[in-house]
Amino acid sequence: MQKLNKIISLFLCLFSINAFAYPITDEMPEKLKTFADNLTSVSATFKQTKILPESTKRFISTGYVKFVKNVGFTWHQQKPSEDVFTSTLTTYCVNGENKELRDLPYFYRVQSMIDKMLNGDMSDFLFVFNVDYSEHKDTWTMVATPRLTVMADMIQNLTMYGTSKDLTKVIMTYYDGTIVILEFNRSKKDFDDEITC
């Protein structure tokens, strides 16, 4: 019940972000801005590795994602259980059952935040996270830690790795010790704009 209350509080907090004028004036760092500016329409495959603190097993999911500048992204994930989770710009489906994406408020809000960041607007992201950014030759690294207490109770940090052209890896470390690693690999194949159930 306590965990449910934290999740509900997080939903309310994230959904209220745009309702207030908050004084976030941070601009995107140079290489990250170059990366966002260079994106137009990008397709990538991904491997997601989930490591649970109480288990020696690693749970692997694979899939593909497509980002279209000023439109958003679609996401297709094949889970280890053989279930398929698919998200388009407005809907999602699990094994053929189609639903509205706004019915998944957390995923919907995070998707919107990522959309904005990839389009060069970090205001929502910087409202939720404190950011430590560094550059090394042709690569950049961004470590984000939660500004909001309700978020800090769930996730410890979020680390993103990229180049001027690609986001290569994201590592999410949760408060309970769970680690999720997303590794992206740009695809030469152009995936469909919309994914249907």
C-alpha atoms as a PDB file:
ATOM      1  CA  MET A   1       0.000   0.000   0.000  1.00  0.00           C
ATOM      2  CA  GLN A   2       2.850   2.374   0.840  1.00  0.00           C
ATOM      3  CA  LYS A   3       4.491   1.695  -2.530  1.00  0.00           C
ATOM      4  CA  LEU A   4       1.155   2.339  -4.286  1.00  0.00           C
ATOM      5  CA  ASN A   5       0.820   5.695  -2.500  1.00  0.00           C
ATOM      6  CA  LYS A   6       4.331   6.669  -3.649  1.00  0.00           C
ATOM      7  CA  ILE A   7       3.489   5.768  -7.243  1.00  0.00           C
ATOM      8  CA  ILE A   8       0.231   7.751  -7.121  1.00  0.00           C
ATOM      9  CA  SER A   9       2.105  10.744  -5.648  1.00  0.00           C
ATOM     10  CA  LEU A  10       4.664  10.473  -8.452  1.00  0.00           C
ATOM     11  CA  PHE A  11       1.929  10.424 -11.100  1.00  0.00           C
ATOM     12  CA  LEU A  12       0.325  13.537  -9.645  1.00  0.00           C
ATOM     13  CA  CYS A  13       3.658  15.310  -9.387  1.00  0.00           C
ATOM     14  CA  LEU A  14       4.713  14.478 -12.940  1.00  0.00           C
ATOM     15  CA  PHE A  15       1.350  15.418 -14.417  1.00  0.00           C
ATOM     16  CA  SER A  16       1.410  18.765 -12.614  1.00  0.00           C
ATOM     17  CA  ILE A  17       4.789  19.786 -14.067  1.00  0.00           C
ATOM     18  CA  ASN A  18       3.305  21.805 -16.912  1.00  0.00           C
ATOM     19  CA  ALA A  19       0.749  23.456 -14.654  1.00  0.00           C
ATOM     20  CA  PHE A  20       3.329  25.678 -12.949  1.00  0.00           C
ATOM     21  CA  ALA A  21       5.869  28.208 -14.161  1.00  0.00           C
ATOM     22  CA  TYR A  22       9.080  26.939 -12.627  1.00  0.00           C
ATOM     23  CA  PRO A  23      12.410  28.803 -12.816  1.00  0.00           C
ATOM     24  CA  ILE A  24      14.479  26.267 -14.750  1.00  0.00           C
ATOM     25  CA  THR A  25      16.750  28.136 -17.134  1.00  0.00           C
ATOM     26  CA  ASP A  26      19.475  25.507 -17.704  1.00  0.00           C
ATOM     27  CA  GLU A  27      20.360  25.103 -21.360  1.00  0.00           C
ATOM     28  CA  MET A  28      21.328  21.863 -23.008  1.00  0.00           C
ATOM     29  CA  PRO A  29      25.089  21.161 -22.901  1.00  0.00           C
ATOM     30  CA  GLU A  30      26.856  21.580 -26.244  1.00  0.00           C
ATOM     31  CA  LYS A  31      27.377  17.948 -27.290  1.00  0.00           C
ATOM     32  CA  LEU A  32      23.947  16.904 -26.052  1.00  0.00           C
ATOM     33  CA  LYS A  33      22.400  19.775 -28.003  1.00  0.00           C
ATOM     34  CA  THR A  34      24.378  18.720 -31.099  1.00  0.00           C
ATOM     35  CA  PHE A  35      23.078  15.185 -30.612  1.00  0.00           C
ATOM     36  CA  ALA A  36      19.462  16.408 -30.368  1.00  0.00           C
ATOM     37  CA  ASP A  37      19.883  18.744 -33.345  1.00  0.00           C
ATOM     38  CA  ASN A  38      21.294  15.939 -35.497  1.00  0.00           C
ATOM     39  CA  LEU A  39      18.314  13.659 -34.898  1.00  0.00           C
ATOM     40  CA  THR A  40      15.690  13.561 -37.621  1.00  0.00           C
ATOM     41  CA  SER A  41      14.225  10.090 -38.019  1.00  0.00           C
ATOM     42  CA  VAL A  42      16.193   7.359 -36.258  1.00  0.00           C
ATOM     43  CA  SER A  43      15.532   3.639 -35.924  1.00  0.00           C
ATOM     44  CA  ALA A  44      17.449   1.536 -33.412  1.00  0.00           C
ATOM     45  CA  THR A  45      17.392  -1.928 -31.928  1.00  0.00           C
ATOM     46  CA  PHE A  46      17.821  -2.312 -28.199  1.00  0.00           C
ATOM     47  CA  LYS A  47      18.685  -4.904 -25.595  1.00  0.00           C
ATOM     48  CA  GLN A  48      17.293  -4.420 -22.106  1.00  0.00           C
ATOM     49  CA  THR A  49      18.975  -6.221 -19.221  1.00  0.00           C
ATOM     50  CA  LYS A  50      17.252  -6.264 -15.832  1.00  0.00           C
ATOM     51  CA  ILE A  51      19.270  -7.288 -12.775  1.00  0.00           C
ATOM     52  CA  LEU A  52      17.390  -7.974  -9.535  1.00  0.00           C
ATOM     53  CA  PRO A  53      19.329  -7.768  -6.241  1.00  0.00           C
ATOM     54  CA  GLU A  54      17.752 -10.957  -4.887  1.00  0.00           C
ATOM     55  CA  SER A  55      18.502 -13.028  -7.997  1.00  0.00           C
ATOM     56  CA  THR A  56      21.609 -14.218  -9.832  1.00  0.00           C
ATOM     57  CA  LYS A  57      19.658 -14.293 -13.099  1.00  0.00           C
ATOM     58  CA  ARG A  58      19.637 -11.516 -15.677  1.00  0.00           C
ATOM     59  CA  PHE A  59      16.356 -10.930 -17.473  1.00  0.00           C
ATOM     60  CA  ILE A  60      16.802  -9.911 -21.107  1.00  0.00           C
ATOM     61  CA  SER A  61      14.301  -8.164 -23.365  1.00  0.00           C
ATOM     62  CA  THR A  62      14.906  -7.082 -26.943  1.00  0.00           C
ATOM     63  CA  GLY A  63      13.064  -4.810 -29.315  1.00  0.00           C
ATOM     64  CA  TYR A  64      13.263  -1.754 -31.485  1.00  0.00           C
ATOM     65  CA  VAL A  65      12.456   1.914 -31.203  1.00  0.00           C
ATOM     66  CA  LYS A  66      11.924   4.657 -33.769  1.00  0.00           C
ATOM     67  CA  PHE A  67      12.205   8.374 -33.055  1.00  0.00           C
ATOM     68  CA  VAL A  68      10.790  10.966 -35.453  1.00  0.00           C
ATOM     69  CA  LYS A  69      11.830  14.587 -34.882  1.00  0.00           C
ATOM     70  CA  ASN A  70       8.973  16.796 -33.607  1.00  0.00           C
ATOM     71  CA  VAL A  71       6.606  13.801 -33.614  1.00  0.00           C
ATOM     72  CA  GLY A  72       7.763  11.359 -30.924  1.00  0.00           C
ATOM     73  CA  PHE A  73       8.788   7.731 -30.716  1.00  0.00           C
ATOM     74  CA  THR A  74       7.346   4.265 -31.051  1.00  0.00           C
ATOM     75  CA  TRP A  75       8.532   1.346 -28.937  1.00  0.00           C
ATOM     76  CA  HIS A  76       8.286  -2.411 -29.462  1.00  0.00           C
ATOM     77  CA  GLN A  77       9.529  -4.742 -26.733  1.00  0.00           C
ATOM     78  CA  GLN A  78       9.719  -8.530 -26.723  1.00  0.00           C
ATOM     79  CA  LYS A  79       9.710  -9.705 -23.112  1.00  0.00           C
ATOM     80  CA  PRO A  80      11.362 -12.909 -21.839  1.00  0.00           C
ATOM     81  CA  SER A  81       7.913 -14.349 -21.157  1.00  0.00           C
ATOM     82  CA  GLU A  82       7.169 -14.020 -24.901  1.00  0.00           C
ATOM     83  CA  ASP A  83       4.623 -11.290 -24.184  1.00  0.00           C
ATOM     84  CA  VAL A  84       4.928  -8.364 -26.555  1.00  0.00           C
ATOM     85  CA  PHE A  85       4.540  -4.804 -25.277  1.00  0.00           C
ATOM     86  CA  THR A  86       4.116  -2.271 -28.060  1.00  0.00           C
ATOM     87  CA  SER A  87       3.761   1.492 -27.757  1.00  0.00           C
ATOM     88  CA  THR A  88       2.899   3.859 -30.568  1.00  0.00           C
ATOM     89  CA  LEU A  89       2.523   7.619 -30.184  1.00  0.00           C
ATOM     90  CA  THR A  90      -0.957   7.336 -28.652  1.00  0.00           C
ATOM     91  CA  THR A  91      -1.692   3.674 -27.939  1.00  0.00           C
ATOM     92  CA  TYR A  92      -0.136   0.551 -26.505  1.00  0.00           C
ATOM     93  CA  CYS A  93      -0.944  -3.113 -26.716  1.00  0.00           C
ATOM     94  CA  VAL A  94       0.042  -6.318 -24.970  1.00  0.00           C
ATOM     95  CA  ASN A  95      -0.427  -9.477 -27.003  1.00  0.00           C
ATOM     96  CA  GLY A  96      -2.944  -7.886 -29.343  1.00  0.00           C
ATOM     97  CA  GLU A  97      -5.064  -5.939 -26.829  1.00  0.00           C
ATOM     98  CA  ASN A  98      -5.103  -2.278 -27.861  1.00  0.00           C
ATOM     99  CA  LYS A  99      -5.391   0.474 -25.195  1.00  0.00           C
ATOM    100  CA  GLU A 100      -4.857   4.217 -24.889  1.00  0.00           C
ATOM    101  CA  LEU A 101      -1.326   5.164 -23.861  1.00  0.00           C
ATOM    102  CA  ARG A 102      -2.622   7.784 -21.451  1.00  0.00           C
ATOM    103  CA  ASP A 103      -3.971   4.838 -19.398  1.00  0.00           C
ATOM    104  CA  LEU A 104      -0.308   4.226 -18.477  1.00  0.00           C
ATOM    105  CA  PRO A 105       0.372   7.636 -16.893  1.00  0.00           C
ATOM    106  CA  TYR A 106       3.933   6.929 -15.759  1.00  0.00           C
ATOM    107  CA  PHE A 107       5.083   5.581 -19.152  1.00  0.00           C
ATOM    108  CA  TYR A 108       3.123   8.293 -20.961  1.00  0.00           C
ATOM    109  CA  ARG A 109       4.717  11.065 -18.874  1.00  0.00           C
ATOM    110  CA  VAL A 110       8.246   9.668 -19.242  1.00  0.00           C
ATOM    111  CA  GLN A 111       7.732   9.267 -22.995  1.00  0.00           C
ATOM    112  CA  SER A 112       6.673  12.915 -23.224  1.00  0.00           C
ATOM    113  CA  MET A 113       9.706  14.027 -21.178  1.00  0.00           C
ATOM    114  CA  ILE A 114      12.083  12.075 -23.444  1.00  0.00           C
ATOM    115  CA  ASP A 115      10.339  13.406 -26.571  1.00  0.00           C
ATOM    116  CA  LYS A 116      10.901  16.962 -25.384  1.00  0.00           C
ATOM    117  CA  MET A 117      14.543  16.351 -24.505  1.00  0.00           C
ATOM    118  CA  LEU A 118      15.306  14.758 -27.872  1.00  0.00           C
ATOM    119  CA  ASN A 119      13.693  17.777 -29.514  1.00  0.00           C
ATOM    120  CA  GLY A 120      15.999  20.119 -27.592  1.00  0.00           C
ATOM    121  CA  ASP A 121      13.754  21.057 -24.636  1.00  0.00           C
ATOM    122  CA  MET A 122      15.138  19.838 -21.291  1.00  0.00           C
ATOM    123  CA  SER A 123      12.823  21.888 -19.053  1.00  0.00           C
ATOM    124  CA  ASP A 124      10.670  18.950 -17.858  1.00  0.00           C
ATOM    125  CA  PHE A 125      13.704  16.699 -17.401  1.00  0.00           C
ATOM    126  CA  LEU A 126      15.568  19.360 -15.404  1.00  0.00           C
ATOM    127  CA  PHE A 127      12.505  19.897 -13.226  1.00  0.00           C
ATOM    128  CA  VAL A 128      12.527  16.242 -12.200  1.00  0.00           C
ATOM    129  CA  PHE A 129      16.313  15.602 -12.099  1.00  0.00           C
ATOM    130  CA  ASN A 130      19.559  17.253 -11.046  1.00  0.00           C
ATOM    131  CA  VAL A 131      22.066  16.713 -13.855  1.00  0.00           C
ATOM    132  CA  ASP A 132      25.831  16.117 -13.802  1.00  0.00           C
ATOM    133  CA  TYR A 133      27.115  16.321 -17.378  1.00  0.00           C
ATOM    134  CA  SER A 134      30.573  15.540 -18.779  1.00  0.00           C
ATOM    135  CA  GLU A 135      32.169  15.333 -22.217  1.00  0.00           C
ATOM    136  CA  HIS A 136      35.062  13.122 -23.371  1.00  0.00           C
ATOM    137  CA  LYS A 137      36.347  13.680 -26.929  1.00  0.00           C
ATOM    138  CA  ASP A 138      33.414  12.579 -29.118  1.00  0.00           C
ATOM    139  CA  THR A 139      31.217  11.205 -26.332  1.00  0.00           C
ATOM    140  CA  TRP A 140      29.093  12.614 -23.518  1.00  0.00           C
ATOM    141  CA  THR A 141      27.758  11.224 -20.249  1.00  0.00           C
ATOM    142  CA  MET A 142      24.849  12.562 -18.225  1.00  0.00           C
ATOM    143  CA  VAL A 143      24.092  11.373 -14.688  1.00  0.00           C
ATOM    144  CA  ALA A 144      20.667  12.424 -13.426  1.00  0.00           C
ATOM    145  CA  THR A 145      19.624  12.177  -9.777  1.00  0.00           C
ATOM    146  CA  PRO A 146      16.071  12.960  -8.617  1.00  0.00           C
ATOM    147  CA  ARG A 147      15.149  16.448  -7.418  1.00  0.00           C
ATOM    148  CA  LEU A 148      11.780  15.219  -6.143  1.00  0.00           C
ATOM    149  CA  THR A 149      11.575  13.173  -2.940  1.00  0.00           C
ATOM    150  CA  VAL A 150       8.850  10.923  -4.307  1.00  0.00           C
ATOM    151  CA  MET A 151      11.094  10.089  -7.276  1.00  0.00           C
ATOM    152  CA  ALA A 152      14.155   9.571  -5.040  1.00  0.00           C
ATOM    153  CA  ASP A 153      12.235   6.898  -3.137  1.00  0.00           C
ATOM    154  CA  MET A 154      11.989   4.913  -6.381  1.00  0.00           C
ATOM    155  CA  ILE A 155      15.097   5.614  -8.456  1.00  0.00           C
ATOM    156  CA  GLN A 156      18.615   6.448  -7.290  1.00  0.00           C
ATOM    157  CA  ASN A 157      20.029   7.643 -10.585  1.00  0.00           C
ATOM    158  CA  LEU A 158      19.760   7.549 -14.336  1.00  0.00           C
ATOM    159  CA  THR A 159      22.935   7.557 -16.456  1.00  0.00           C
ATOM    160  CA  MET A 160      22.889   8.245 -20.196  1.00  0.00           C
ATOM    161  CA  TYR A 161      25.777   7.745 -22.622  1.00  0.00           C
ATOM    162  CA  GLY A 162      25.930   9.114 -26.138  1.00  0.00           C
ATOM    163  CA  THR A 163      27.832  10.601 -29.050  1.00  0.00           C
ATOM    164  CA  SER A 164      27.041  13.543 -31.302  1.00  0.00           C
ATOM    165  CA  LYS A 165      24.844  11.182 -33.346  1.00  0.00           C
ATOM    166  CA  ASP A 166      23.503   8.499 -31.030  1.00  0.00           C
ATOM    167  CA  LEU A 167      22.223   7.673 -27.581  1.00  0.00           C
ATOM    168  CA  THR A 168      24.175   4.478 -26.925  1.00  0.00           C
ATOM    169  CA  LYS A 169      23.251   3.343 -23.409  1.00  0.00           C
ATOM    170  CA  VAL A 170      20.974   4.158 -20.481  1.00  0.00           C
ATOM    171  CA  ILE A 171      21.482   2.677 -16.994  1.00  0.00           C
ATOM    172  CA  MET A 172      18.722   3.041 -14.389  1.00  0.00           C
ATOM    173  CA  THR A 173      19.521   2.178 -10.768  1.00  0.00           C
ATOM    174  CA  TYR A 174      16.476   1.825  -8.534  1.00  0.00           C
ATOM    175  CA  TYR A 175      16.231   2.375  -4.791  1.00  0.00           C
ATOM    176  CA  ASP A 176      15.619  -1.343  -4.164  1.00  0.00           C
ATOM    177  CA  GLY A 177      18.879  -2.266  -5.946  1.00  0.00           C
ATOM    178  CA  THR A 178      17.341  -3.247  -9.274  1.00  0.00           C
ATOM    179  CA  ILE A 179      19.443  -2.201 -12.259  1.00  0.00           C
ATOM    180  CA  VAL A 180      18.056  -1.833 -15.787  1.00  0.00           C
ATOM    181  CA  ILE A 181      20.511  -1.422 -18.670  1.00  0.00           C
ATOM    182  CA  LEU A 182      19.311  -0.328 -22.109  1.00  0.00           C
ATOM    183  CA  GLU A 183      21.822  -0.654 -24.952  1.00  0.00           C
ATOM    184  CA  PHE A 184      20.890   0.998 -28.247  1.00  0.00           C
ATOM    185  CA  ASN A 185      22.295   0.248 -31.688  1.00  0.00           C
ATOM    186  CA  ARG A 186      21.292   2.464 -34.614  1.00  0.00           C
ATOM    187  CA  SER A 187      19.691   0.408 -37.360  1.00  0.00           C
ATOM    188  CA  LYS A 188      20.269   0.825 -41.082  1.00  0.00           C
ATOM    189  CA  LYS A 189      16.707  -0.413 -41.572  1.00  0.00           C
ATOM    190  CA  ASP A 190      13.989   2.248 -41.331  1.00  0.00           C
ATOM    191  CA  PHE A 191      11.198   0.846 -39.177  1.00  0.00           C
ATOM    192  CA  ASP A 192       7.548   1.663 -39.751  1.00  0.00           C
ATOM    193  CA  ASP A 193       6.276   4.928 -38.271  1.00  0.00           C
ATOM    194  CA  GLU A 194       3.387   3.210 -36.513  1.00  0.00           C
ATOM    195  CA  ILE A 195       3.236  -0.181 -34.873  1.00  0.00           C
ATOM    196  CA  THR A 196      -0.109  -1.947 -34.780  1.00  0.00           C
ATOM    197  CA  CYS A 197      -1.300  -4.647 -32.416  1.00  0.00           C
END
